[in-house]
Amino acid sequence: MVKRELSAGEYIVCRVEAENFEDLVTVALDQASKYFFGIWLPHHNLTTEPFSAEKYYRDFEGMACMEIWVKPLILKNKN
């Protein structure tokens, strides 16, 4: 077992669920990443530090589940 600790700070966590692990790491993760990084973060005037952490859950209520953790940064005005 490997233990990793994230530094203290604010994080945004994007949770991704699918019916099985293969769908989770292919289709669901691709769709979630496109939405999270391409739509949700810019809509909230945010970007992220060049870092992310992924946390996978095993046998979570009969479905595959993971979280993407990012440290947010406010986008500077483009004026």
PDB file of N, CA and C in Angstrom:
ATOM      1  N   MET A   1       0.837  -1.173   0.000  1.00  0.00           N
ATOM      2  CA  MET A   1       0.000   0.000   0.000  1.00  0.00           C
ATOM      3  C   MET A   1       0.887   1.243   0.000  1.00  0.00           C
ATOM      4  N   VAL A   2       0.485   2.219  -0.789  1.00  0.00           N
ATOM      5  CA  VAL A   2       1.204   3.482  -0.854  1.00  0.00           C
ATOM      6  C   VAL A   2       0.290   4.571  -0.334  1.00  0.00           C
ATOM      7  N   LYS A   3       0.801   5.369   0.571  1.00  0.00           N
ATOM      8  CA  LYS A   3       0.012   6.468   1.132  1.00  0.00           C
ATOM      9  C   LYS A   3       0.550   7.776   0.584  1.00  0.00           C
ATOM     10  N   ARG A   4      -0.332   8.572   0.040  1.00  0.00           N
ATOM     11  CA  ARG A   4       0.021   9.898  -0.478  1.00  0.00           C
ATOM     12  C   ARG A   4      -0.845  10.927   0.226  1.00  0.00           C
ATOM     13  N   GLU A   5      -0.266  12.051   0.568  1.00  0.00           N
ATOM     14  CA  GLU A   5      -1.023  13.130   1.201  1.00  0.00           C
ATOM     15  C   GLU A   5      -0.938  14.372   0.322  1.00  0.00           C
ATOM     16  N   LEU A   6      -2.090  15.006   0.143  1.00  0.00           N
ATOM     17  CA  LEU A   6      -2.132  16.260  -0.602  1.00  0.00           C
ATOM     18  C   LEU A   6      -1.812  17.406   0.346  1.00  0.00           C
ATOM     19  N   SER A   7      -1.179  18.426  -0.191  1.00  0.00           N
ATOM     20  CA  SER A   7      -0.889  19.596   0.633  1.00  0.00           C
ATOM     21  C   SER A   7      -2.190  20.286   1.020  1.00  0.00           C
ATOM     22  N   ALA A   8      -2.158  20.974   2.146  1.00  0.00           N
ATOM     23  CA  ALA A   8      -3.343  21.696   2.610  1.00  0.00           C
ATOM     24  C   ALA A   8      -3.711  22.773   1.601  1.00  0.00           C
ATOM     25  N   GLY A   9      -4.986  23.003   1.438  1.00  0.00           N
ATOM     26  CA  GLY A   9      -5.446  24.020   0.517  1.00  0.00           C
ATOM     27  C   GLY A   9      -6.851  23.725   0.037  1.00  0.00           C
ATOM     28  N   GLU A  10      -7.327  24.569  -0.846  1.00  0.00           N
ATOM     29  CA  GLU A  10      -8.657  24.366  -1.418  1.00  0.00           C
ATOM     30  C   GLU A  10      -8.531  23.511  -2.671  1.00  0.00           C
ATOM     31  N   TYR A  11      -9.462  22.582  -2.815  1.00  0.00           N
ATOM     32  CA  TYR A  11      -9.500  21.701  -3.973  1.00  0.00           C
ATOM     33  C   TYR A  11     -10.909  21.673  -4.539  1.00  0.00           C
ATOM     34  N   ILE A  12     -11.018  21.454  -5.819  1.00  0.00           N
ATOM     35  CA  ILE A  12     -12.297  21.142  -6.447  1.00  0.00           C
ATOM     36  C   ILE A  12     -12.230  19.657  -6.776  1.00  0.00           C
ATOM     37  N   VAL A  13     -13.283  18.937  -6.432  1.00  0.00           N
ATOM     38  CA  VAL A  13     -13.310  17.496  -6.644  1.00  0.00           C
ATOM     39  C   VAL A  13     -14.408  17.170  -7.651  1.00  0.00           C
ATOM     40  N   CYS A  14     -14.012  16.508  -8.727  1.00  0.00           N
ATOM     41  CA  CYS A  14     -14.941  16.060  -9.758  1.00  0.00           C
ATOM     42  C   CYS A  14     -15.111  14.555  -9.590  1.00  0.00           C
ATOM     43  N   ARG A  15     -16.312  14.124  -9.287  1.00  0.00           N
ATOM     44  CA  ARG A  15     -16.595  12.705  -9.075  1.00  0.00           C
ATOM     45  C   ARG A  15     -17.129  12.094 -10.367  1.00  0.00           C
ATOM     46  N   VAL A  16     -16.598  10.935 -10.737  1.00  0.00           N
ATOM     47  CA  VAL A  16     -16.982  10.250 -11.970  1.00  0.00           C
ATOM     48  C   VAL A  16     -17.440   8.842 -11.607  1.00  0.00           C
ATOM     49  N   GLU A  17     -18.593   8.434 -12.123  1.00  0.00           N
ATOM     50  CA  GLU A  17     -19.112   7.099 -11.858  1.00  0.00           C
ATOM     51  C   GLU A  17     -19.463   6.410 -13.171  1.00  0.00           C
ATOM     52  N   ALA A  18     -19.348   5.091 -13.170  1.00  0.00           N
ATOM     53  CA  ALA A  18     -19.712   4.277 -14.331  1.00  0.00           C
ATOM     54  C   ALA A  18     -20.137   2.901 -13.835  1.00  0.00           C
ATOM     55  N   GLU A  19     -20.714   2.130 -14.736  1.00  0.00           N
ATOM     56  CA  GLU A  19     -21.192   0.802 -14.354  1.00  0.00           C
ATOM     57  C   GLU A  19     -20.061  -0.181 -14.108  1.00  0.00           C
ATOM     58  N   ASN A  20     -18.902   0.022 -14.755  1.00  0.00           N
ATOM     59  CA  ASN A  20     -17.765  -0.873 -14.544  1.00  0.00           C
ATOM     60  C   ASN A  20     -16.467  -0.090 -14.740  1.00  0.00           C
ATOM     61  N   PHE A  21     -15.345  -0.705 -14.338  1.00  0.00           N
ATOM     62  CA  PHE A  21     -14.062  -0.005 -14.363  1.00  0.00           C
ATOM     63  C   PHE A  21     -13.638   0.371 -15.780  1.00  0.00           C
ATOM     64  N   GLU A  22     -13.844  -0.514 -16.730  1.00  0.00           N
ATOM     65  CA  GLU A  22     -13.447  -0.214 -18.114  1.00  0.00           C
ATOM     66  C   GLU A  22     -14.177   1.021 -18.642  1.00  0.00           C
ATOM     67  N   ASP A  23     -15.493   1.098 -18.411  1.00  0.00           N
ATOM     68  CA  ASP A  23     -16.250   2.282 -18.832  1.00  0.00           C
ATOM     69  C   ASP A  23     -15.805   3.528 -18.066  1.00  0.00           C
ATOM     70  N   LEU A  24     -15.439   3.348 -16.803  1.00  0.00           N
ATOM     71  CA  LEU A  24     -15.001   4.472 -15.981  1.00  0.00           C
ATOM     72  C   LEU A  24     -13.756   5.121 -16.565  1.00  0.00           C
ATOM     73  N   VAL A  25     -12.742   4.326 -16.879  1.00  0.00           N
ATOM     74  CA  VAL A  25     -11.457   4.891 -17.308  1.00  0.00           C
ATOM     75  C   VAL A  25     -11.385   5.178 -18.800  1.00  0.00           C
ATOM     76  N   THR A  26     -12.451   4.907 -19.522  1.00  0.00           N
ATOM     77  CA  THR A  26     -12.476   5.235 -20.951  1.00  0.00           C
ATOM     78  C   THR A  26     -13.556   6.281 -21.207  1.00  0.00           C
ATOM     79  N   VAL A  27     -14.760   5.854 -21.404  1.00  0.00           N
ATOM     80  CA  VAL A  27     -15.855   6.741 -21.809  1.00  0.00           C
ATOM     81  C   VAL A  27     -16.188   7.791 -20.741  1.00  0.00           C
ATOM     82  N   ALA A  28     -16.440   7.349 -19.511  1.00  0.00           N
ATOM     83  CA  ALA A  28     -16.879   8.282 -18.467  1.00  0.00           C
ATOM     84  C   ALA A  28     -15.799   9.303 -18.134  1.00  0.00           C
ATOM     85  N   LEU A  29     -14.562   8.862 -18.006  1.00  0.00           N
ATOM     86  CA  LEU A  29     -13.476   9.791 -17.679  1.00  0.00           C
ATOM     87  C   LEU A  29     -13.248  10.791 -18.807  1.00  0.00           C
ATOM     88  N   ASP A  30     -13.323  10.349 -20.040  1.00  0.00           N
ATOM     89  CA  ASP A  30     -13.170  11.248 -21.184  1.00  0.00           C
ATOM     90  C   ASP A  30     -14.267  12.312 -21.190  1.00  0.00           C
ATOM     91  N   GLN A  31     -15.509  11.887 -21.023  1.00  0.00           N
ATOM     92  CA  GLN A  31     -16.632  12.832 -21.020  1.00  0.00           C
ATOM     93  C   GLN A  31     -16.541  13.797 -19.844  1.00  0.00           C
ATOM     94  N   ALA A  32     -16.229  13.272 -18.665  1.00  0.00           N
ATOM     95  CA  ALA A  32     -16.135  14.117 -17.471  1.00  0.00           C
ATOM     96  C   ALA A  32     -15.004  15.127 -17.605  1.00  0.00           C
ATOM     97  N   SER A  33     -13.855  14.702 -18.114  1.00  0.00           N
ATOM     98  CA  SER A  33     -12.717  15.613 -18.271  1.00  0.00           C
ATOM     99  C   SER A  33     -13.029  16.736 -19.254  1.00  0.00           C
ATOM    100  N   LYS A  34     -13.657  16.391 -20.372  1.00  0.00           N
ATOM    101  CA  LYS A  34     -14.023  17.422 -21.354  1.00  0.00           C
ATOM    102  C   LYS A  34     -14.970  18.445 -20.732  1.00  0.00           C
ATOM    103  N   TYR A  35     -15.966  17.981 -19.992  1.00  0.00           N
ATOM    104  CA  TYR A  35     -16.923  18.898 -19.368  1.00  0.00           C
ATOM    105  C   TYR A  35     -16.254  19.717 -18.258  1.00  0.00           C
ATOM    106  N   PHE A  36     -15.554  19.041 -17.359  1.00  0.00           N
ATOM    107  CA  PHE A  36     -14.959  19.695 -16.189  1.00  0.00           C
ATOM    108  C   PHE A  36     -13.932  20.751 -16.595  1.00  0.00           C
ATOM    109  N   PHE A  37     -12.968  20.360 -17.445  1.00  0.00           N
ATOM    110  CA  PHE A  37     -11.894  21.280 -17.822  1.00  0.00           C
ATOM    111  C   PHE A  37     -12.278  22.225 -18.954  1.00  0.00           C
ATOM    112  N   GLY A  38     -13.180  21.801 -19.834  1.00  0.00           N
ATOM    113  CA  GLY A  38     -13.533  22.618 -20.983  1.00  0.00           C
ATOM    114  C   GLY A  38     -14.737  23.513 -20.800  1.00  0.00           C
ATOM    115  N   ILE A  39     -15.628  23.158 -19.868  1.00  0.00           N
ATOM    116  CA  ILE A  39     -16.863  23.930 -19.687  1.00  0.00           C
ATOM    117  C   ILE A  39     -17.016  24.445 -18.261  1.00  0.00           C
ATOM    118  N   TRP A  40     -17.028  23.535 -17.279  1.00  0.00           N
ATOM    119  CA  TRP A  40     -17.345  23.928 -15.904  1.00  0.00           C
ATOM    120  C   TRP A  40     -16.343  24.919 -15.339  1.00  0.00           C
ATOM    121  N   LEU A  41     -15.053  24.604 -15.389  1.00  0.00           N
ATOM    122  CA  LEU A  41     -14.041  25.513 -14.836  1.00  0.00           C
ATOM    123  C   LEU A  41     -14.053  26.874 -15.530  1.00  0.00           C
ATOM    124  N   PRO A  42     -14.007  26.955 -16.893  1.00  0.00           N
ATOM    125  CA  PRO A  42     -14.054  28.270 -17.538  1.00  0.00           C
ATOM    126  C   PRO A  42     -15.338  29.042 -17.220  1.00  0.00           C
ATOM    127  N   HIS A  43     -16.471  28.350 -17.120  1.00  0.00           N
ATOM    128  CA  HIS A  43     -17.744  29.011 -16.792  1.00  0.00           C
ATOM    129  C   HIS A  43     -17.678  29.678 -15.416  1.00  0.00           C
ATOM    130  N   HIS A  44     -16.886  29.118 -14.527  1.00  0.00           N
ATOM    131  CA  HIS A  44     -16.716  29.676 -13.182  1.00  0.00           C
ATOM    132  C   HIS A  44     -15.464  30.546 -13.078  1.00  0.00           C
ATOM    133  N   ASN A  45     -14.921  30.949 -14.243  1.00  0.00           N
ATOM    134  CA  ASN A  45     -13.739  31.807 -14.316  1.00  0.00           C
ATOM    135  C   ASN A  45     -12.548  31.201 -13.578  1.00  0.00           C
ATOM    136  N   LEU A  46     -12.384  29.877 -13.714  1.00  0.00           N
ATOM    137  CA  LEU A  46     -11.321  29.165 -13.025  1.00  0.00           C
ATOM    138  C   LEU A  46     -10.460  28.370 -14.001  1.00  0.00           C
ATOM    139  N   THR A  47      -9.241  28.159 -13.598  1.00  0.00           N
ATOM    140  CA  THR A  47      -8.349  27.193 -14.212  1.00  0.00           C
ATOM    141  C   THR A  47      -7.750  26.421 -13.048  1.00  0.00           C
ATOM    142  N   THR A  48      -6.708  25.627 -13.286  1.00  0.00           N
ATOM    143  CA  THR A  48      -6.117  24.861 -12.190  1.00  0.00           C
ATOM    144  C   THR A  48      -4.607  24.963 -12.213  1.00  0.00           C
ATOM    145  N   GLU A  49      -4.009  24.656 -11.071  1.00  0.00           N
ATOM    146  CA  GLU A  49      -2.571  24.501 -11.037  1.00  0.00           C
ATOM    147  C   GLU A  49      -2.226  23.298 -11.917  1.00  0.00           C
ATOM    148  N   PRO A  50      -0.996  23.203 -12.411  1.00  0.00           N
ATOM    149  CA  PRO A  50      -0.635  22.064 -13.275  1.00  0.00           C
ATOM    150  C   PRO A  50      -0.428  20.793 -12.450  1.00  0.00           C
ATOM    151  N   PHE A  51      -1.489  20.372 -11.792  1.00  0.00           N
ATOM    152  CA  PHE A  51      -1.456  19.225 -10.904  1.00  0.00           C
ATOM    153  C   PHE A  51      -2.865  18.670 -10.780  1.00  0.00           C
ATOM    154  N   SER A  52      -2.987  17.376 -10.710  1.00  0.00           N
ATOM    155  CA  SER A  52      -4.268  16.768 -10.339  1.00  0.00           C
ATOM    156  C   SER A  52      -3.970  15.436  -9.666  1.00  0.00           C
ATOM    157  N   ALA A  53      -4.889  15.016  -8.826  1.00  0.00           N
ATOM    158  CA  ALA A  53      -4.785  13.717  -8.162  1.00  0.00           C
ATOM    159  C   ALA A  53      -6.046  12.940  -8.489  1.00  0.00           C
ATOM    160  N   GLU A  54      -5.901  11.646  -8.632  1.00  0.00           N
ATOM    161  CA  GLU A  54      -7.050  10.779  -8.890  1.00  0.00           C
ATOM    162  C   GLU A  54      -7.185   9.796  -7.742  1.00  0.00           C
ATOM    163  N   LYS A  55      -8.410   9.621  -7.287  1.00  0.00           N
ATOM    164  CA  LYS A  55      -8.691   8.667  -6.212  1.00  0.00           C
ATOM    165  C   LYS A  55      -9.727   7.686  -6.736  1.00  0.00           C
ATOM    166  N   TYR A  56      -9.373   6.414  -6.710  1.00  0.00           N
ATOM    167  CA  TYR A  56     -10.265   5.363  -7.212  1.00  0.00           C
ATOM    168  C   TYR A  56     -10.875   4.612  -6.044  1.00  0.00           C
ATOM    169  N   TYR A  57     -12.148   4.276  -6.171  1.00  0.00           N
ATOM    170  CA  TYR A  57     -12.843   3.495  -5.154  1.00  0.00           C
ATOM    171  C   TYR A  57     -13.123   2.103  -5.705  1.00  0.00           C
ATOM    172  N   ARG A  58     -12.850   1.104  -4.923  1.00  0.00           N
ATOM    173  CA  ARG A  58     -13.114  -0.276  -5.328  1.00  0.00           C
ATOM    174  C   ARG A  58     -14.445  -0.737  -4.755  1.00  0.00           C
ATOM    175  N   ASP A  59     -15.214  -1.455  -5.577  1.00  0.00           N
ATOM    176  CA  ASP A  59     -16.492  -2.029  -5.143  1.00  0.00           C
ATOM    177  C   ASP A  59     -17.367  -1.012  -4.421  1.00  0.00           C
ATOM    178  N   PHE A  60     -17.492   0.159  -4.995  1.00  0.00           N
ATOM    179  CA  PHE A  60     -18.297   1.225  -4.389  1.00  0.00           C
ATOM    180  C   PHE A  60     -19.745   1.071  -4.832  1.00  0.00           C
ATOM    181  N   GLU A  61     -20.571   0.517  -3.959  1.00  0.00           N
ATOM    182  CA  GLU A  61     -22.012   0.361  -4.211  1.00  0.00           C
ATOM    183  C   GLU A  61     -22.308  -0.274  -5.567  1.00  0.00           C
ATOM    184  N   GLY A  62     -21.514  -1.262  -5.971  1.00  0.00           N
ATOM    185  CA  GLY A  62     -21.784  -1.975  -7.213  1.00  0.00           C
ATOM    186  C   GLY A  62     -21.442  -1.223  -8.482  1.00  0.00           C
ATOM    187  N   MET A  63     -20.715  -0.128  -8.378  1.00  0.00           N
ATOM    188  CA  MET A  63     -20.311   0.607  -9.572  1.00  0.00           C
ATOM    189  C   MET A  63     -18.885   1.104  -9.397  1.00  0.00           C
ATOM    190  N   ALA A  64     -18.255   1.443 -10.500  1.00  0.00           N
ATOM    191  CA  ALA A  64     -16.900   1.986 -10.475  1.00  0.00           C
ATOM    192  C   ALA A  64     -16.981   3.496 -10.228  1.00  0.00           C
ATOM    193  N   CYS A  65     -16.080   3.993  -9.411  1.00  0.00           N
ATOM    194  CA  CYS A  65     -16.130   5.401  -9.021  1.00  0.00           C
ATOM    195  C   CYS A  65     -14.715   5.935  -8.831  1.00  0.00           C
ATOM    196  N   MET A  66     -14.517   7.188  -9.223  1.00  0.00           N
ATOM    197  CA  MET A  66     -13.243   7.860  -8.996  1.00  0.00           C
ATOM    198  C   MET A  66     -13.484   9.348  -8.772  1.00  0.00           C
ATOM    199  N   GLU A  67     -12.472  10.016  -8.232  1.00  0.00           N
ATOM    200  CA  GLU A  67     -12.520  11.459  -8.052  1.00  0.00           C
ATOM    201  C   GLU A  67     -11.263  12.073  -8.661  1.00  0.00           C
ATOM    202  N   ILE A  68     -11.426  13.232  -9.259  1.00  0.00           N
ATOM    203  CA  ILE A  68     -10.301  14.018  -9.762  1.00  0.00           C
ATOM    204  C   ILE A  68     -10.206  15.250  -8.861  1.00  0.00           C
ATOM    205  N   TRP A  69      -9.076  15.437  -8.225  1.00  0.00           N
ATOM    206  CA  TRP A  69      -8.851  16.563  -7.324  1.00  0.00           C
ATOM    207  C   TRP A  69      -7.924  17.567  -8.001  1.00  0.00           C
ATOM    208  N   VAL A  70      -8.334  18.845  -8.051  1.00  0.00           N
ATOM    209  CA  VAL A  70      -7.507  19.903  -8.640  1.00  0.00           C
ATOM    210  C   VAL A  70      -7.488  21.107  -7.711  1.00  0.00           C
ATOM    211  N   LYS A  71      -6.399  21.880  -7.788  1.00  0.00           N
ATOM    212  CA  LYS A  71      -6.295  23.137  -7.033  1.00  0.00           C
ATOM    213  C   LYS A  71      -6.682  24.273  -7.975  1.00  0.00           C
ATOM    214  N   PRO A  72      -7.755  24.995  -7.642  1.00  0.00           N
ATOM    215  CA  PRO A  72      -8.245  26.034  -8.552  1.00  0.00           C
ATOM    216  C   PRO A  72      -7.412  27.317  -8.522  1.00  0.00           C
ATOM    217  N   LEU A  73      -7.390  27.974  -9.662  1.00  0.00           N
ATOM    218  CA  LEU A  73      -6.794  29.308  -9.814  1.00  0.00           C
ATOM    219  C   LEU A  73      -7.813  30.171 -10.543  1.00  0.00           C
ATOM    220  N   ILE A  74      -7.954  31.411 -10.133  1.00  0.00           N
ATOM    221  CA  ILE A  74      -8.890  32.325 -10.799  1.00  0.00           C
ATOM    222  C   ILE A  74      -8.246  32.812 -12.097  1.00  0.00           C
ATOM    223  N   LEU A  75      -9.013  32.750 -13.193  1.00  0.00           N
ATOM    224  CA  LEU A  75      -8.531  33.259 -14.471  1.00  0.00           C
ATOM    225  C   LEU A  75      -8.416  34.772 -14.419  1.00  0.00           C
ATOM    226  N   LYS A  76      -7.365  35.288 -14.987  1.00  0.00           N
ATOM    227  CA  LYS A  76      -7.204  36.748 -15.049  1.00  0.00           C
ATOM    228  C   LYS A  76      -8.065  37.286 -16.160  1.00  0.00           C
ATOM    229  N   ASN A  77      -8.576  38.496 -15.987  1.00  0.00           N
ATOM    230  CA  ASN A  77      -9.395  39.129 -17.024  1.00  0.00           C
ATOM    231  C   ASN A  77      -8.610  39.264 -18.320  1.00  0.00           C
ATOM    232  N   LYS A  78      -9.284  39.062 -19.440  1.00  0.00           N
ATOM    233  CA  LYS A  78      -8.633  39.143 -20.758  1.00  0.00           C
ATOM    234  C   LYS A  78      -8.795  40.520 -21.367  1.00  0.00           C
ATOM    235  N   ASN A  79      -9.150  41.534 -20.582  1.00  0.00           N
ATOM    236  CA  ASN A  79      -9.379  42.885 -21.094  1.00  0.00           C
ATOM    237  C   ASN A  79      -8.121  43.600 -21.409  1.00  0.00           C
TER     238      ASN A  79
END
